């Protein structure tokens, strides 16, 4: 098995940048084709390579990657997910990542975060909680370590 196949299988053939499916049978020369992204800039990362579409991998070399929050979530002041994920991966602990107008909105955001970050940082054990505060609801991520 090749490195691409190993990484693709481990990442369930999903691009770590855009979170869209990657077709393992697509040409590696096609923009939507599979490529292996080496995370050499983050030496502390537990996973050295990630699966990405060729275009997503190429584009991230020119501009800093931003993992977008979905537009359907009602989150104010959402935290930059790559920064939060990296910090939680390195240090563990707990971080407030956004504010929502209702508890339901906050729970929806919390559920999405756990799902998305499980693919963004495989192996990182995260929980997400909702806490009331100042007439709003805070979305909080936490790891098992403090």
N, C-alpha and C. Protein backbone atom coordinates (compact mmCIF):
# COMPACT_ATOMS: atom_id res chain seq x y z
N UNK A 1 0.84 -1.18 0.00
CA UNK A 1 0.00 0.00 0.00
C UNK A 1 0.89 1.25 0.00
N UNK A 2 0.50 2.27 -0.73
CA UNK A 2 1.28 3.50 -0.82
C UNK A 2 0.96 4.42 0.36
N UNK A 3 1.80 5.44 0.55
CA UNK A 3 1.56 6.44 1.58
C UNK A 3 0.21 7.10 1.37
N UNK A 4 -0.11 7.42 0.10
CA UNK A 4 -1.40 8.05 -0.21
C UNK A 4 -2.55 7.16 0.24
N UNK A 5 -2.48 5.87 -0.06
CA UNK A 5 -3.54 4.94 0.36
C UNK A 5 -3.63 4.85 1.88
N UNK A 6 -2.49 4.78 2.54
CA UNK A 6 -2.48 4.71 4.02
C UNK A 6 -3.13 5.94 4.63
N UNK A 7 -2.72 7.12 4.16
CA UNK A 7 -3.25 8.38 4.69
C UNK A 7 -4.73 8.51 4.34
N UNK A 8 -5.09 8.16 3.10
CA UNK A 8 -6.49 8.23 2.68
C UNK A 8 -7.39 7.35 3.52
N UNK A 9 -6.96 6.12 3.76
CA UNK A 9 -7.75 5.21 4.59
C UNK A 9 -7.90 5.75 6.00
N UNK A 10 -6.81 6.23 6.58
CA UNK A 10 -6.85 6.75 7.94
C UNK A 10 -7.78 7.97 8.05
N UNK A 11 -7.77 8.83 7.03
CA UNK A 11 -8.58 10.05 7.04
C UNK A 11 -9.95 9.84 6.39
N UNK A 12 -10.31 8.58 6.13
CA UNK A 12 -11.61 8.24 5.54
C UNK A 12 -11.88 8.97 4.24
N UNK A 13 -10.81 9.21 3.48
CA UNK A 13 -10.91 9.85 2.17
C UNK A 13 -11.68 11.16 2.23
N UNK A 14 -11.36 11.98 3.23
CA UNK A 14 -11.92 13.33 3.37
C UNK A 14 -10.77 14.32 3.44
N UNK A 15 -10.91 15.44 2.74
CA UNK A 15 -9.91 16.50 2.73
C UNK A 15 -9.91 17.20 4.08
N UNK A 16 -8.75 17.34 4.68
CA UNK A 16 -8.69 17.99 6.00
C UNK A 16 -8.95 19.48 5.91
N UNK A 17 -8.75 20.07 4.74
CA UNK A 17 -8.92 21.52 4.60
C UNK A 17 -10.40 21.87 4.41
N UNK A 18 -11.05 21.28 3.40
CA UNK A 18 -12.43 21.65 3.09
C UNK A 18 -13.46 20.68 3.65
N UNK A 19 -13.01 19.54 4.16
CA UNK A 19 -13.87 18.52 4.76
C UNK A 19 -14.80 17.87 3.76
N UNK A 20 -14.48 17.94 2.48
CA UNK A 20 -15.26 17.30 1.43
C UNK A 20 -14.63 15.95 1.08
N UNK A 21 -15.42 15.01 0.53
CA UNK A 21 -14.86 13.72 0.14
C UNK A 21 -13.77 13.86 -0.93
N UNK A 22 -12.80 12.97 -0.89
CA UNK A 22 -11.74 12.89 -1.89
C UNK A 22 -11.90 11.55 -2.60
N UNK A 23 -11.96 11.57 -3.91
CA UNK A 23 -12.11 10.35 -4.70
C UNK A 23 -10.75 9.70 -4.86
N UNK A 24 -10.55 8.51 -4.29
CA UNK A 24 -9.24 7.86 -4.39
C UNK A 24 -8.89 7.46 -5.82
N UNK A 25 -9.88 7.38 -6.70
CA UNK A 25 -9.64 6.98 -8.08
C UNK A 25 -9.41 8.15 -9.02
N UNK A 26 -9.57 9.38 -8.50
CA UNK A 26 -9.33 10.57 -9.32
C UNK A 26 -7.82 10.72 -9.54
N UNK A 27 -7.44 11.27 -10.68
CA UNK A 27 -6.02 11.49 -10.98
C UNK A 27 -5.40 12.43 -9.95
N UNK A 28 -4.19 12.14 -9.53
CA UNK A 28 -3.49 13.02 -8.59
C UNK A 28 -3.16 14.36 -9.23
N UNK A 29 -3.29 14.46 -10.55
CA UNK A 29 -3.04 15.72 -11.26
C UNK A 29 -4.28 16.59 -11.36
N UNK A 30 -5.45 16.04 -11.03
CA UNK A 30 -6.70 16.79 -11.06
C UNK A 30 -6.82 17.62 -9.78
N UNK A 31 -7.43 18.81 -9.88
CA UNK A 31 -7.60 19.66 -8.70
C UNK A 31 -8.35 18.96 -7.57
N UNK A 32 -9.33 18.10 -7.90
CA UNK A 32 -10.09 17.37 -6.88
C UNK A 32 -9.47 16.02 -6.56
N UNK A 33 -8.32 15.73 -7.13
CA UNK A 33 -7.63 14.48 -6.88
C UNK A 33 -6.96 14.46 -5.52
N UNK A 34 -6.57 13.26 -5.06
CA UNK A 34 -5.97 13.12 -3.74
C UNK A 34 -4.50 13.55 -3.71
N UNK A 35 -4.11 14.12 -2.57
CA UNK A 35 -2.70 14.42 -2.33
C UNK A 35 -2.43 14.29 -0.84
N UNK A 36 -1.17 14.09 -0.53
CA UNK A 36 -0.75 14.00 0.87
C UNK A 36 -0.13 15.33 1.26
N UNK A 37 -0.67 15.92 2.30
CA UNK A 37 -0.16 17.19 2.82
C UNK A 37 0.71 16.88 4.03
N UNK A 38 1.97 17.24 3.95
CA UNK A 38 2.88 17.05 5.08
C UNK A 38 2.78 18.24 6.00
N UNK A 39 2.60 17.99 7.27
CA UNK A 39 2.48 19.07 8.25
C UNK A 39 3.85 19.35 8.87
N UNK A 40 4.83 19.59 8.01
CA UNK A 40 6.19 19.76 8.50
C UNK A 40 6.36 21.05 9.29
N UNK A 41 5.49 22.02 9.11
CA UNK A 41 5.63 23.28 9.84
C UNK A 41 5.22 23.12 11.30
N UNK A 42 4.43 22.11 11.61
CA UNK A 42 4.01 21.89 12.99
C UNK A 42 4.67 20.62 13.50
N UNK A 43 5.87 20.75 14.00
CA UNK A 43 6.65 19.59 14.44
C UNK A 43 6.02 18.85 15.61
N UNK A 44 5.17 19.52 16.37
CA UNK A 44 4.54 18.90 17.53
C UNK A 44 3.26 18.16 17.18
N UNK A 45 2.82 18.27 15.94
CA UNK A 45 1.58 17.60 15.53
C UNK A 45 1.75 16.09 15.65
N UNK A 46 0.72 15.44 16.18
CA UNK A 46 0.77 13.99 16.36
C UNK A 46 0.62 13.24 15.04
N UNK A 47 -0.01 13.87 14.04
CA UNK A 47 -0.19 13.27 12.72
C UNK A 47 0.64 14.08 11.74
N UNK A 48 1.63 13.43 11.11
CA UNK A 48 2.56 14.15 10.24
C UNK A 48 2.00 14.44 8.86
N UNK A 49 1.14 13.57 8.34
CA UNK A 49 0.57 13.77 7.00
C UNK A 49 -0.93 13.73 7.07
N UNK A 50 -1.56 14.51 6.19
CA UNK A 50 -3.01 14.57 6.11
C UNK A 50 -3.42 14.47 4.66
N UNK A 51 -4.64 13.99 4.42
CA UNK A 51 -5.18 13.90 3.07
C UNK A 51 -5.81 15.23 2.68
N UNK A 52 -5.55 15.66 1.46
CA UNK A 52 -6.14 16.90 0.95
C UNK A 52 -6.38 16.76 -0.55
N UNK A 53 -7.37 17.51 -1.05
CA UNK A 53 -7.49 17.64 -2.50
C UNK A 53 -6.22 18.34 -3.00
N UNK A 54 -5.83 18.05 -4.20
CA UNK A 54 -4.64 18.68 -4.76
C UNK A 54 -4.76 20.21 -4.73
N UNK A 55 -5.93 20.74 -5.12
CA UNK A 55 -6.12 22.19 -5.13
C UNK A 55 -6.08 22.78 -3.72
N UNK A 56 -6.67 22.10 -2.75
CA UNK A 56 -6.65 22.59 -1.37
C UNK A 56 -5.23 22.60 -0.84
N UNK A 57 -4.47 21.56 -1.16
CA UNK A 57 -3.08 21.46 -0.71
C UNK A 57 -2.24 22.55 -1.36
N UNK A 58 -2.42 22.78 -2.66
CA UNK A 58 -1.66 23.81 -3.37
C UNK A 58 -2.01 25.21 -2.88
N UNK A 59 -3.30 25.45 -2.69
CA UNK A 59 -3.77 26.77 -2.26
C UNK A 59 -3.24 27.12 -0.87
N UNK A 60 -3.15 26.15 0.02
CA UNK A 60 -2.69 26.45 1.37
C UNK A 60 -1.23 26.85 1.41
N UNK A 61 -0.49 26.55 0.36
CA UNK A 61 0.89 27.00 0.29
C UNK A 61 1.00 28.49 0.02
N UNK A 62 -0.04 29.06 -0.61
CA UNK A 62 -0.04 30.48 -0.96
C UNK A 62 -0.73 31.35 0.09
N UNK A 63 -1.73 30.80 0.75
CA UNK A 63 -2.46 31.55 1.77
C UNK A 63 -2.67 30.67 2.99
N UNK A 64 -2.80 31.31 4.12
CA UNK A 64 -3.02 30.56 5.36
C UNK A 64 -4.38 29.88 5.31
N UNK A 65 -4.42 28.62 5.69
CA UNK A 65 -5.66 27.84 5.68
C UNK A 65 -6.58 28.36 6.79
N UNK A 66 -7.84 28.50 6.43
CA UNK A 66 -8.88 28.85 7.39
C UNK A 66 -9.94 27.77 7.30
N UNK A 67 -10.22 27.14 8.41
CA UNK A 67 -11.30 26.16 8.45
C UNK A 67 -12.57 26.95 8.75
N UNK A 68 -13.47 26.97 7.79
CA UNK A 68 -14.69 27.79 7.89
C UNK A 68 -15.73 27.15 8.80
N UNK A 69 -16.40 27.98 9.55
CA UNK A 69 -17.59 27.57 10.28
C UNK A 69 -18.74 27.59 9.27
N UNK A 70 -19.65 26.63 9.31
CA UNK A 70 -20.78 26.64 8.37
C UNK A 70 -21.68 27.85 8.59
N UNK A 71 -22.21 28.37 7.50
CA UNK A 71 -23.08 29.55 7.58
C UNK A 71 -24.38 29.29 8.32
N UNK A 72 -24.84 28.04 8.35
CA UNK A 72 -26.12 27.75 9.00
C UNK A 72 -26.03 27.80 10.53
N UNK A 73 -24.82 27.79 11.08
CA UNK A 73 -24.66 27.89 12.53
C UNK A 73 -24.72 29.36 12.95
N UNK A 74 -25.44 29.64 14.01
CA UNK A 74 -25.56 31.00 14.52
C UNK A 74 -24.54 31.18 15.65
N UNK A 75 -23.31 31.54 15.25
CA UNK A 75 -22.22 31.69 16.21
C UNK A 75 -21.63 33.08 16.05
N UNK A 76 -21.55 33.80 17.17
CA UNK A 76 -20.92 35.13 17.16
C UNK A 76 -19.49 34.98 17.61
N UNK A 77 -18.62 35.75 16.99
CA UNK A 77 -17.19 35.74 17.32
C UNK A 77 -16.62 34.32 17.37
N UNK A 78 -16.80 33.56 16.28
CA UNK A 78 -16.27 32.19 16.27
C UNK A 78 -14.74 32.21 16.30
N UNK A 79 -14.17 31.32 17.09
CA UNK A 79 -12.72 31.23 17.21
C UNK A 79 -12.13 30.62 15.93
N UNK A 80 -10.89 30.97 15.59
CA UNK A 80 -10.22 30.34 14.44
C UNK A 80 -9.91 28.88 14.78
N UNK A 81 -10.54 27.96 14.08
CA UNK A 81 -10.48 26.55 14.46
C UNK A 81 -9.10 25.93 14.38
N UNK A 82 -8.29 26.28 13.39
CA UNK A 82 -6.95 25.71 13.33
C UNK A 82 -6.11 26.12 14.54
N UNK A 83 -6.24 27.35 14.95
CA UNK A 83 -5.51 27.84 16.11
C UNK A 83 -5.96 27.10 17.36
N UNK A 84 -7.27 26.99 17.56
CA UNK A 84 -7.81 26.31 18.73
C UNK A 84 -7.41 24.84 18.72
N UNK A 85 -7.57 24.17 17.57
CA UNK A 85 -7.23 22.75 17.47
C UNK A 85 -5.76 22.51 17.78
N UNK A 86 -4.89 23.36 17.23
CA UNK A 86 -3.46 23.22 17.50
C UNK A 86 -3.12 23.40 18.96
N UNK A 87 -3.73 24.41 19.57
CA UNK A 87 -3.46 24.68 20.99
C UNK A 87 -3.97 23.53 21.87
N UNK A 88 -5.17 23.03 21.60
CA UNK A 88 -5.71 21.92 22.38
C UNK A 88 -4.90 20.65 22.17
N UNK A 89 -4.42 20.46 20.95
CA UNK A 89 -3.61 19.27 20.66
C UNK A 89 -2.29 19.33 21.43
N UNK A 90 -1.68 20.50 21.50
CA UNK A 90 -0.39 20.66 22.20
C UNK A 90 -0.52 20.69 23.71
N UNK A 91 -1.49 21.46 24.20
CA UNK A 91 -1.54 21.75 25.63
C UNK A 91 -2.70 21.10 26.37
N UNK A 92 -3.74 20.71 25.63
CA UNK A 92 -4.93 20.22 26.31
C UNK A 92 -5.68 21.38 26.94
N UNK A 93 -6.62 21.07 27.81
CA UNK A 93 -7.34 22.10 28.53
C UNK A 93 -8.72 22.37 28.00
N UNK A 94 -9.10 23.64 28.08
CA UNK A 94 -10.48 24.05 27.80
C UNK A 94 -10.47 25.42 27.16
N UNK A 95 -11.32 25.61 26.12
CA UNK A 95 -11.40 26.90 25.44
C UNK A 95 -12.82 27.22 25.04
N UNK A 96 -13.20 28.49 25.23
CA UNK A 96 -14.48 28.99 24.75
C UNK A 96 -14.25 29.36 23.28
N UNK A 97 -15.12 28.85 22.40
CA UNK A 97 -14.89 29.04 20.97
C UNK A 97 -15.95 29.85 20.25
N UNK A 98 -17.02 30.21 20.93
CA UNK A 98 -18.04 31.02 20.29
C UNK A 98 -19.21 31.29 21.21
N UNK A 99 -20.04 32.27 20.82
CA UNK A 99 -21.24 32.63 21.56
C UNK A 99 -22.45 32.46 20.65
N UNK A 100 -23.54 31.98 21.23
CA UNK A 100 -24.75 31.74 20.44
C UNK A 100 -25.95 32.39 21.14
N UNK A 101 -26.97 32.78 20.34
CA UNK A 101 -28.14 33.44 20.93
C UNK A 101 -29.06 32.50 21.71
N UNK A 102 -29.08 31.22 21.33
CA UNK A 102 -29.96 30.27 22.03
C UNK A 102 -29.17 29.02 22.41
N UNK A 103 -29.70 28.29 23.36
CA UNK A 103 -29.05 27.05 23.79
C UNK A 103 -29.05 26.03 22.64
N UNK A 104 -30.14 26.01 21.88
CA UNK A 104 -30.22 25.09 20.75
C UNK A 104 -29.14 25.39 19.70
N UNK A 105 -28.94 26.68 19.40
CA UNK A 105 -27.88 27.07 18.46
C UNK A 105 -26.51 26.64 18.98
N UNK A 106 -26.29 26.84 20.27
CA UNK A 106 -25.01 26.48 20.87
C UNK A 106 -24.79 24.96 20.82
N UNK A 107 -25.83 24.19 21.10
CA UNK A 107 -25.68 22.74 21.06
C UNK A 107 -25.42 22.25 19.64
N UNK A 108 -26.07 22.86 18.67
CA UNK A 108 -25.83 22.50 17.27
C UNK A 108 -24.37 22.80 16.89
N UNK A 109 -23.87 23.94 17.32
CA UNK A 109 -22.47 24.30 17.05
C UNK A 109 -21.52 23.35 17.76
N UNK A 110 -21.83 23.00 18.99
CA UNK A 110 -20.98 22.08 19.76
C UNK A 110 -20.91 20.71 19.09
N UNK A 111 -22.06 20.21 18.65
CA UNK A 111 -22.09 18.91 17.97
C UNK A 111 -21.28 18.95 16.67
N UNK A 112 -21.43 20.04 15.91
CA UNK A 112 -20.68 20.17 14.66
C UNK A 112 -19.18 20.21 14.95
N UNK A 113 -18.78 20.95 15.97
CA UNK A 113 -17.36 21.08 16.31
C UNK A 113 -16.72 19.74 16.64
N UNK A 114 -17.38 18.95 17.46
CA UNK A 114 -16.82 17.64 17.83
C UNK A 114 -16.64 16.78 16.58
N UNK A 115 -17.64 16.78 15.71
CA UNK A 115 -17.57 16.01 14.48
C UNK A 115 -16.44 16.52 13.58
N UNK A 116 -16.39 17.83 13.34
CA UNK A 116 -15.39 18.42 12.42
C UNK A 116 -13.98 18.26 12.95
N UNK A 117 -13.79 18.52 14.24
CA UNK A 117 -12.44 18.43 14.80
C UNK A 117 -11.97 17.00 14.94
N UNK A 118 -12.88 16.03 14.98
CA UNK A 118 -12.46 14.63 15.02
C UNK A 118 -11.74 14.26 13.72
N UNK A 119 -12.09 14.93 12.63
CA UNK A 119 -11.41 14.70 11.35
C UNK A 119 -10.22 15.63 11.18
N UNK A 120 -10.31 16.81 11.74
CA UNK A 120 -9.22 17.77 11.62
C UNK A 120 -8.01 17.34 12.44
N UNK A 121 -8.25 16.83 13.64
CA UNK A 121 -7.17 16.38 14.52
C UNK A 121 -7.52 14.97 15.01
N UNK A 122 -7.29 13.96 14.16
CA UNK A 122 -7.64 12.59 14.57
C UNK A 122 -6.89 12.20 15.84
N UNK A 123 -7.59 11.52 16.71
CA UNK A 123 -6.97 11.05 17.94
C UNK A 123 -7.10 12.02 19.11
N UNK A 124 -7.47 13.25 18.86
CA UNK A 124 -7.65 14.22 19.93
C UNK A 124 -9.03 13.98 20.55
N UNK A 125 -9.05 13.64 21.81
CA UNK A 125 -10.30 13.37 22.51
C UNK A 125 -10.90 14.68 23.01
N UNK A 126 -11.98 15.11 22.36
CA UNK A 126 -12.62 16.38 22.69
C UNK A 126 -14.05 16.17 23.16
N UNK A 127 -14.46 17.05 24.03
CA UNK A 127 -15.87 17.16 24.36
C UNK A 127 -16.26 18.62 24.15
N UNK A 128 -17.52 18.85 23.88
CA UNK A 128 -18.01 20.22 23.71
C UNK A 128 -19.18 20.40 24.64
N UNK A 129 -19.21 21.54 25.28
CA UNK A 129 -20.29 21.84 26.20
C UNK A 129 -20.90 23.19 25.90
N UNK A 130 -22.04 23.42 26.51
CA UNK A 130 -22.76 24.67 26.36
C UNK A 130 -22.94 25.24 27.77
N UNK A 131 -22.57 26.51 27.94
CA UNK A 131 -22.69 27.16 29.24
C UNK A 131 -23.41 28.49 29.08
N UNK A 132 -24.39 28.78 29.94
CA UNK A 132 -25.05 30.07 29.87
C UNK A 132 -24.11 31.16 30.38
N UNK A 133 -24.23 32.34 29.80
CA UNK A 133 -23.40 33.45 30.25
C UNK A 133 -23.82 34.76 29.62
N UNK A 134 -24.19 35.72 30.42
CA UNK A 134 -24.50 37.05 29.92
C UNK A 134 -25.66 37.10 28.94
N UNK A 135 -26.67 36.26 29.15
CA UNK A 135 -27.83 36.25 28.25
C UNK A 135 -27.58 35.52 26.95
N UNK A 136 -26.44 34.87 26.84
CA UNK A 136 -26.11 34.09 25.64
C UNK A 136 -25.68 32.71 26.09
N UNK A 137 -25.27 31.90 25.14
CA UNK A 137 -24.79 30.56 25.45
C UNK A 137 -23.41 30.39 24.84
N UNK A 138 -22.47 29.97 25.66
CA UNK A 138 -21.08 29.82 25.24
C UNK A 138 -20.82 28.38 24.83
N UNK A 139 -20.08 28.21 23.74
CA UNK A 139 -19.67 26.89 23.29
C UNK A 139 -18.24 26.69 23.78
N UNK A 140 -18.02 25.60 24.52
CA UNK A 140 -16.73 25.35 25.15
C UNK A 140 -16.21 23.98 24.71
N UNK A 141 -14.96 23.94 24.26
CA UNK A 141 -14.29 22.69 23.93
C UNK A 141 -13.34 22.33 25.06
N UNK A 142 -13.20 21.04 25.33
CA UNK A 142 -12.27 20.59 26.36
C UNK A 142 -11.65 19.27 25.96
N UNK A 143 -10.42 19.06 26.40
CA UNK A 143 -9.75 17.78 26.21
C UNK A 143 -9.74 17.04 27.54
N UNK A 144 -9.31 15.80 27.49
CA UNK A 144 -9.22 15.01 28.71
C UNK A 144 -8.14 15.49 29.65
N UNK A 145 -7.11 16.18 29.12
CA UNK A 145 -6.05 16.67 30.00
C UNK A 145 -6.25 18.13 30.31
N UNK A 146 -5.68 18.56 31.40
CA UNK A 146 -5.78 19.97 31.81
C UNK A 146 -4.40 20.52 32.05
